């Protein structure tokens, strides 16, 4: 009998707790339906005003959160845009530098070629050097070997 006395108060406690939780669930579901615009019949003017105020406060919170998220996204996109702009400027400077180098090389190559064409002299006929201007095109020409001055021509020996 002693165990029944201990068991019954615990059972009654949990039964009361379950009933309270069921009522809270029912109230929350009804409140949710009302917030969604349903089951508004039977509400007094004061209840409807309270519901409207609650909705306005909730809506204000939602809008503030949305504004904050949009502001953060705009700031991030601006930051990324600035980084891309800086990268664009650096790439533009690199392209300009390469363009200047190409222009200088073009000028150097064609001014050397034109100078050789005007003078007709490409140093010595048999000389070849590799130096600073090794990137300049090399023009090679074939020529007949020159005769030595101490040789006696063949005609002169026959006529003697």
C-alpha atoms as a PDB file:
ATOM      1  CA  UNK A   1       0.000   0.000   0.000  1.00  0.00           C
ATOM      2  CA  UNK A   2       2.847   2.302   0.688  1.00  0.00           C
ATOM      3  CA  UNK A   3       4.008   2.087  -2.965  1.00  0.00           C
ATOM      4  CA  UNK A   4       0.564   3.061  -4.220  1.00  0.00           C
ATOM      5  CA  UNK A   5       0.601   6.257  -2.161  1.00  0.00           C
ATOM      6  CA  UNK A   6       3.952   7.274  -3.667  1.00  0.00           C
ATOM      7  CA  UNK A   7       2.905   6.351  -7.158  1.00  0.00           C
ATOM      8  CA  UNK A   8      -0.381   8.245  -7.196  1.00  0.00           C
ATOM      9  CA  UNK A   9       0.945  11.755  -6.433  1.00  0.00           C
ATOM     10  CA  UNK A  10       3.634  11.386  -9.119  1.00  0.00           C
ATOM     11  CA  UNK A  11       1.055  10.189 -11.601  1.00  0.00           C
ATOM     12  CA  UNK A  12      -1.258  13.095 -10.800  1.00  0.00           C
ATOM     13  CA  UNK A  13       1.659  15.555 -11.172  1.00  0.00           C
ATOM     14  CA  UNK A  14       2.540  14.252 -14.634  1.00  0.00           C
ATOM     15  CA  UNK A  15      -1.106  14.210 -15.664  1.00  0.00           C
ATOM     16  CA  UNK A  16      -1.408  17.893 -14.656  1.00  0.00           C
ATOM     17  CA  UNK A  17       1.829  18.704 -16.525  1.00  0.00           C
ATOM     18  CA  UNK A  18       0.537  16.950 -19.652  1.00  0.00           C
ATOM     19  CA  UNK A  19      -2.769  18.847 -19.455  1.00  0.00           C
ATOM     20  CA  UNK A  20      -0.934  22.174 -19.069  1.00  0.00           C
ATOM     21  CA  UNK A  21       1.306  21.398 -22.053  1.00  0.00           C
ATOM     22  CA  UNK A  22      -1.722  20.399 -24.163  1.00  0.00           C
ATOM     23  CA  UNK A  23      -3.434  23.698 -23.312  1.00  0.00           C
ATOM     24  CA  UNK A  24      -0.256  25.671 -24.129  1.00  0.00           C
ATOM     25  CA  UNK A  25       0.002  23.854 -27.472  1.00  0.00           C
ATOM     26  CA  UNK A  26      -3.644  24.619 -28.226  1.00  0.00           C
ATOM     27  CA  UNK A  27      -3.163  28.315 -27.319  1.00  0.00           C
ATOM     28  CA  UNK A  28      -0.023  28.571 -29.453  1.00  0.00           C
ATOM     29  CA  UNK A  29      -1.756  26.971 -32.422  1.00  0.00           C
ATOM     30  CA  UNK A  30      -4.723  29.331 -32.051  1.00  0.00           C
ATOM     31  CA  UNK A  31      -2.368  32.316 -31.729  1.00  0.00           C
ATOM     32  CA  UNK A  32      -0.507  31.161 -34.835  1.00  0.00           C
ATOM     33  CA  UNK A  33      -3.717  30.863 -36.820  1.00  0.00           C
ATOM     34  CA  UNK A  34      -4.735  34.346 -35.707  1.00  0.00           C
ATOM     35  CA  UNK A  35      -1.351  35.769 -36.659  1.00  0.00           C
ATOM     36  CA  UNK A  36      -1.805  34.186 -40.073  1.00  0.00           C
ATOM     37  CA  UNK A  37      -5.200  35.943 -40.376  1.00  0.00           C
ATOM     38  CA  UNK A  38      -7.406  32.994 -39.641  1.00  0.00           C
ATOM     39  CA  UNK A  39      -9.987  32.379 -36.890  1.00  0.00           C
ATOM     40  CA  UNK A  40     -10.401  36.069 -36.057  1.00  0.00           C
ATOM     41  CA  UNK A  41     -14.086  35.713 -35.293  1.00  0.00           C
ATOM     42  CA  UNK A  42     -14.991  36.245 -31.675  1.00  0.00           C
ATOM     43  CA  UNK A  43     -12.044  38.587 -31.005  1.00  0.00           C
ATOM     44  CA  UNK A  44     -12.782  41.935 -29.392  1.00  0.00           C
ATOM     45  CA  UNK A  45     -11.528  45.252 -30.752  1.00  0.00           C
ATOM     46  CA  UNK A  46      -8.847  45.292 -28.052  1.00  0.00           C
ATOM     47  CA  UNK A  47      -7.709  41.745 -29.010  1.00  0.00           C
ATOM     48  CA  UNK A  48      -7.564  42.736 -32.681  1.00  0.00           C
ATOM     49  CA  UNK A  49      -5.518  45.869 -31.838  1.00  0.00           C
ATOM     50  CA  UNK A  50      -3.111  43.786 -29.747  1.00  0.00           C
ATOM     51  CA  UNK A  51      -2.789  41.302 -32.614  1.00  0.00           C
ATOM     52  CA  UNK A  52      -2.170  44.164 -35.063  1.00  0.00           C
ATOM     53  CA  UNK A  53       0.518  45.680 -32.793  1.00  0.00           C
ATOM     54  CA  UNK A  54       2.147  42.277 -32.423  1.00  0.00           C
ATOM     55  CA  UNK A  55       2.172  41.830 -36.206  1.00  0.00           C
ATOM     56  CA  UNK A  56       3.604  45.334 -36.746  1.00  0.00           C
ATOM     57  CA  UNK A  57       6.403  44.690 -34.242  1.00  0.00           C
ATOM     58  CA  UNK A  58       7.173  41.349 -35.883  1.00  0.00           C
ATOM     59  CA  UNK A  59       7.131  42.942 -39.326  1.00  0.00           C
ATOM     60  CA  UNK A  60       9.439  45.730 -38.117  1.00  0.00           C
ATOM     61  CA  UNK A  61      11.884  43.099 -36.824  1.00  0.00           C
ATOM     62  CA  UNK A  62      11.743  41.189 -40.122  1.00  0.00           C
ATOM     63  CA  UNK A  63      12.357  44.374 -42.119  1.00  0.00           C
ATOM     64  CA  UNK A  64      15.277  45.392 -39.896  1.00  0.00           C
ATOM     65  CA  UNK A  65      16.863  41.950 -40.340  1.00  0.00           C
ATOM     66  CA  UNK A  66      16.319  42.096 -44.120  1.00  0.00           C
ATOM     67  CA  UNK A  67      17.813  45.610 -44.276  1.00  0.00           C
ATOM     68  CA  UNK A  68      20.852  44.476 -42.302  1.00  0.00           C
ATOM     69  CA  UNK A  69      21.414  41.470 -44.583  1.00  0.00           C
ATOM     70  CA  UNK A  70      21.070  43.645 -47.705  1.00  0.00           C
ATOM     71  CA  UNK A  71      23.436  46.276 -46.247  1.00  0.00           C
ATOM     72  CA  UNK A  72      26.012  43.596 -45.462  1.00  0.00           C
ATOM     73  CA  UNK A  73      25.711  42.154 -48.982  1.00  0.00           C
ATOM     74  CA  UNK A  74      26.087  45.624 -50.543  1.00  0.00           C
ATOM     75  CA  UNK A  75      29.204  46.294 -48.468  1.00  0.00           C
ATOM     76  CA  UNK A  76      30.696  42.938 -49.481  1.00  0.00           C
ATOM     77  CA  UNK A  77      29.933  43.557 -53.158  1.00  0.00           C
ATOM     78  CA  UNK A  78      31.484  47.042 -52.918  1.00  0.00           C
ATOM     79  CA  UNK A  79      34.590  45.540 -51.319  1.00  0.00           C
ATOM     80  CA  UNK A  80      34.845  42.931 -54.084  1.00  0.00           C
ATOM     81  CA  UNK A  81      34.241  45.631 -56.706  1.00  0.00           C
ATOM     82  CA  UNK A  82      37.096  47.708 -55.277  1.00  0.00           C
ATOM     83  CA  UNK A  83      39.415  44.692 -55.333  1.00  0.00           C
ATOM     84  CA  UNK A  84      38.500  43.973 -58.949  1.00  0.00           C
ATOM     85  CA  UNK A  85      39.034  47.647 -59.825  1.00  0.00           C
ATOM     86  CA  UNK A  86      42.503  47.594 -58.230  1.00  0.00           C
ATOM     87  CA  UNK A  87      43.369  44.384 -60.095  1.00  0.00           C
ATOM     88  CA  UNK A  88      42.123  45.995 -63.318  1.00  0.00           C
ATOM     89  CA  UNK A  89      44.392  49.004 -62.760  1.00  0.00           C
ATOM     90  CA  UNK A  90      47.397  46.749 -62.132  1.00  0.00           C
ATOM     91  CA  UNK A  91      46.668  44.714 -65.263  1.00  0.00           C
ATOM     92  CA  UNK A  92      46.265  47.920 -67.289  1.00  0.00           C
ATOM     93  CA  UNK A  93      49.682  49.121 -66.057  1.00  0.00           C
ATOM     94  CA  UNK A  94      51.232  45.768 -67.025  1.00  0.00           C
ATOM     95  CA  UNK A  95      49.679  45.939 -70.494  1.00  0.00           C
ATOM     96  CA  UNK A  96      50.964  49.502 -70.942  1.00  0.00           C
ATOM     97  CA  UNK A  97      54.468  48.452 -69.846  1.00  0.00           C
ATOM     98  CA  UNK A  98      54.467  45.518 -72.282  1.00  0.00           C
ATOM     99  CA  UNK A  99      53.199  47.822 -75.033  1.00  0.00           C
ATOM    100  CA  UNK A 100      56.032  50.294 -74.331  1.00  0.00           C
ATOM    101  CA  UNK A 101      58.607  47.474 -74.363  1.00  0.00           C
ATOM    102  CA  UNK A 102      57.224  46.167 -77.649  1.00  0.00           C
ATOM    103  CA  UNK A 103      57.333  49.652 -79.149  1.00  0.00           C
ATOM    104  CA  UNK A 104      60.958  50.091 -78.046  1.00  0.00           C
ATOM    105  CA  UNK A 105      61.935  46.692 -79.432  1.00  0.00           C
ATOM    106  CA  UNK A 106      60.142  47.410 -82.700  1.00  0.00           C
ATOM    107  CA  UNK A 107      61.902  50.749 -83.004  1.00  0.00           C
ATOM    108  CA  UNK A 108      65.286  49.209 -82.194  1.00  0.00           C
ATOM    109  CA  UNK A 109      64.885  46.325 -84.653  1.00  0.00           C
ATOM    110  CA  UNK A 110      63.679  48.425 -87.546  1.00  0.00           C
ATOM    111  CA  UNK A 111      66.084  51.311 -86.956  1.00  0.00           C
ATOM    112  CA  UNK A 112      69.025  48.834 -86.993  1.00  0.00           C
ATOM    113  CA  UNK A 113      67.749  47.182 -90.164  1.00  0.00           C
ATOM    114  CA  UNK A 114      67.222  50.548 -91.857  1.00  0.00           C
ATOM    115  CA  UNK A 115      70.706  51.739 -90.847  1.00  0.00           C
ATOM    116  CA  UNK A 116      72.263  48.619 -92.384  1.00  0.00           C
ATOM    117  CA  UNK A 117      70.266  49.104 -95.576  1.00  0.00           C
ATOM    118  CA  UNK A 118      71.381  52.740 -95.899  1.00  0.00           C
ATOM    119  CA  UNK A 119      75.106  52.178 -95.226  1.00  0.00           C
ATOM    120  CA  UNK A 120      75.301  48.785 -96.898  1.00  0.00           C
ATOM    121  CA  UNK A 121      77.886  47.777 -94.278  1.00  0.00           C
ATOM    122  CA  UNK A 122      77.374  44.842 -91.946  1.00  0.00           C
ATOM    123  CA  UNK A 123      80.781  45.041 -90.245  1.00  0.00           C
ATOM    124  CA  UNK A 124      83.359  42.713 -91.818  1.00  0.00           C
ATOM    125  CA  UNK A 125      82.351  40.090 -94.355  1.00  0.00           C
ATOM    126  CA  UNK A 126      83.722  37.286 -92.153  1.00  0.00           C
ATOM    127  CA  UNK A 127      83.196  38.618 -88.649  1.00  0.00           C
ATOM    128  CA  UNK A 128      80.516  37.424 -86.284  1.00  0.00           C
ATOM    129  CA  UNK A 129      79.916  38.598 -82.747  1.00  0.00           C
ATOM    130  CA  UNK A 130      77.399  37.896 -80.017  1.00  0.00           C
ATOM    131  CA  UNK A 131      76.927  40.762 -77.617  1.00  0.00           C
ATOM    132  CA  UNK A 132      74.251  43.008 -76.200  1.00  0.00           C
ATOM    133  CA  UNK A 133      72.437  43.176 -79.536  1.00  0.00           C
ATOM    134  CA  UNK A 134      72.160  39.411 -80.010  1.00  0.00           C
ATOM    135  CA  UNK A 135      68.411  39.773 -80.557  1.00  0.00           C
ATOM    136  CA  UNK A 136      69.011  41.868 -83.704  1.00  0.00           C
ATOM    137  CA  UNK A 137      68.509  39.846 -86.919  1.00  0.00           C
ATOM    138  CA  UNK A 138      71.754  38.666 -88.564  1.00  0.00           C
ATOM    139  CA  UNK A 139      72.185  39.127 -92.332  1.00  0.00           C
ATOM    140  CA  UNK A 140      74.689  36.724 -93.878  1.00  0.00           C
ATOM    141  CA  UNK A 141      75.924  36.994 -97.471  1.00  0.00           C
ATOM    142  CA  UNK A 142      78.005  34.635 -99.623  1.00  0.00           C
ATOM    143  CA  UNK A 143      80.994  36.158-101.425  1.00  0.00           C
ATOM    144  CA  UNK A 144      83.891  34.896-103.556  1.00  0.00           C
ATOM    145  CA  UNK A 145      87.231  34.512-101.782  1.00  0.00           C
ATOM    146  CA  UNK A 146      89.743  37.236-102.638  1.00  0.00           C
ATOM    147  CA  UNK A 147      93.025  36.251-104.359  1.00  0.00           C
ATOM    148  CA  UNK A 148      96.309  36.737-102.540  1.00  0.00           C
ATOM    149  CA  UNK A 149      98.509  39.566-103.943  1.00  0.00           C
ATOM    150  CA  UNK A 150     101.749  37.505-103.903  1.00  0.00           C
ATOM    151  CA  UNK A 151     100.405  34.930-106.349  1.00  0.00           C
ATOM    152  CA  UNK A 152     101.434  35.308-109.947  1.00  0.00           C
ATOM    153  CA  UNK A 153      98.587  35.258-112.368  1.00  0.00           C
ATOM    154  CA  UNK A 154      98.590  32.288-114.731  1.00  0.00           C
ATOM    155  CA  UNK A 155      98.649  34.431-117.915  1.00  0.00           C
ATOM    156  CA  UNK A 156     101.747  36.307-116.788  1.00  0.00           C
ATOM    157  CA  UNK A 157     103.745  33.093-116.365  1.00  0.00           C
ATOM    158  CA  UNK A 158     102.832  31.822-119.858  1.00  0.00           C
ATOM    159  CA  UNK A 159     103.811  34.980-121.634  1.00  0.00           C
ATOM    160  CA  UNK A 160     107.320  34.991-120.196  1.00  0.00           C
END
